[in-house]
Amino acid sequence: MRRSRSRAVQLVAVAAVACLSLLGTATPVQAKGVITFVAYFDDASHSNLVGSSTFSECPGDPSYHWGAYTPYYTITSEPCP
């Protein structure tokens, strides 16, 4: 009984090391950032734009804001070019 338990522990350890070594050699996928656009409006009908913000995770692309922040907004995102 003791011998079979010891063998099982050894097999689990070998399998764990094999899995970890495979993970270590995998090439990571380059994560692309996103650009998020927020448009602020003066009412719930979204008919009059009063402000805008852009939050960018793209290299060399700055984030900015102009106008007013309001509780009436839309948010859209797209991947970096």
Protein backbone atom coordinates (compact mmCIF):
# COMPACT_ATOMS: atom_id res chain seq x y z
CA MET A 1 0.00 0.00 0.00
CA ARG A 2 2.75 2.41 0.98
CA ARG A 3 4.67 1.65 -2.21
CA SER A 4 1.65 2.34 -4.51
CA ARG A 5 0.93 5.64 -2.73
CA SER A 6 4.55 6.70 -3.13
CA ARG A 7 4.44 5.80 -6.83
CA ALA A 8 1.22 7.81 -7.29
CA VAL A 9 2.79 10.85 -5.64
CA GLN A 10 5.81 10.52 -7.93
CA LEU A 11 3.60 10.35 -11.02
CA VAL A 12 1.62 13.41 -9.96
CA ALA A 13 4.86 15.31 -9.32
CA VAL A 14 6.27 14.37 -12.73
CA ALA A 15 3.01 15.39 -14.45
CA ALA A 16 3.00 18.74 -12.61
CA VAL A 17 6.60 19.47 -13.60
CA ALA A 18 5.85 18.54 -17.23
CA CYS A 19 2.82 20.86 -17.33
CA LEU A 20 4.71 23.74 -15.75
CA SER A 21 7.60 23.35 -18.16
CA LEU A 22 5.19 23.50 -21.11
CA LEU A 23 3.64 26.68 -19.76
CA GLY A 24 7.07 28.22 -19.36
CA THR A 25 7.95 27.63 -23.01
CA ALA A 26 4.70 28.92 -24.47
CA THR A 27 5.00 32.19 -26.36
CA PRO A 28 2.67 34.74 -24.82
CA VAL A 29 0.14 36.35 -27.13
CA GLN A 30 0.74 40.05 -27.51
CA ALA A 31 -2.18 41.77 -25.84
CA LYS A 32 -3.49 44.68 -27.82
CA GLY A 33 -4.85 47.62 -25.93
CA VAL A 34 -8.09 49.40 -26.60
CA ILE A 35 -9.23 52.95 -27.18
CA THR A 36 -12.37 53.83 -25.25
CA PHE A 37 -14.49 56.78 -26.34
CA VAL A 38 -16.99 58.38 -23.98
CA ALA A 39 -19.42 60.96 -25.37
CA TYR A 40 -21.32 63.16 -22.86
CA PHE A 41 -24.73 64.63 -23.71
CA ASP A 42 -26.95 67.22 -22.03
CA ASP A 43 -29.99 64.92 -21.77
CA ALA A 44 -31.16 61.31 -22.01
CA SER A 45 -32.06 61.63 -25.70
CA HIS A 46 -28.32 62.04 -26.50
CA SER A 47 -29.11 64.81 -28.95
CA ASN A 48 -26.61 67.49 -27.86
CA LEU A 49 -22.94 66.56 -27.36
CA VAL A 50 -21.41 68.59 -24.51
CA GLY A 51 -18.18 66.69 -23.82
CA SER A 52 -15.95 63.82 -24.82
CA SER A 53 -13.21 61.69 -23.31
CA THR A 54 -10.81 59.26 -24.91
CA PHE A 55 -8.91 56.73 -22.83
CA SER A 56 -6.17 55.04 -24.82
CA GLU A 57 -4.01 52.02 -24.03
CA CYS A 58 -2.33 52.28 -27.43
CA PRO A 59 1.38 53.16 -27.48
CA GLY A 60 1.95 56.82 -28.37
CA ASP A 61 -1.77 57.65 -28.37
CA PRO A 62 -2.69 60.15 -25.64
CA SER A 63 -5.89 60.20 -23.63
CA TYR A 64 -7.86 63.46 -23.54
CA HIS A 65 -11.05 65.17 -22.41
CA TRP A 66 -12.96 68.28 -23.46
CA GLY A 67 -16.26 69.78 -22.32
CA ALA A 68 -18.53 68.72 -19.48
CA TYR A 69 -18.99 65.43 -17.66
CA THR A 70 -22.70 64.53 -17.40
CA PRO A 71 -24.72 61.50 -16.32
CA TYR A 72 -25.86 61.07 -19.95
CA TYR A 73 -23.15 59.31 -21.92
CA THR A 74 -22.31 56.57 -24.37
CA ILE A 75 -19.21 54.38 -24.32
CA THR A 76 -17.60 52.66 -27.30
CA SER A 77 -14.30 50.81 -27.54
CA GLU A 78 -12.12 49.53 -30.34
CA PRO A 79 -8.75 47.75 -30.45
CA CYS A 80 -5.56 49.66 -31.10
CA PRO A 81 -4.71 49.91 -34.78
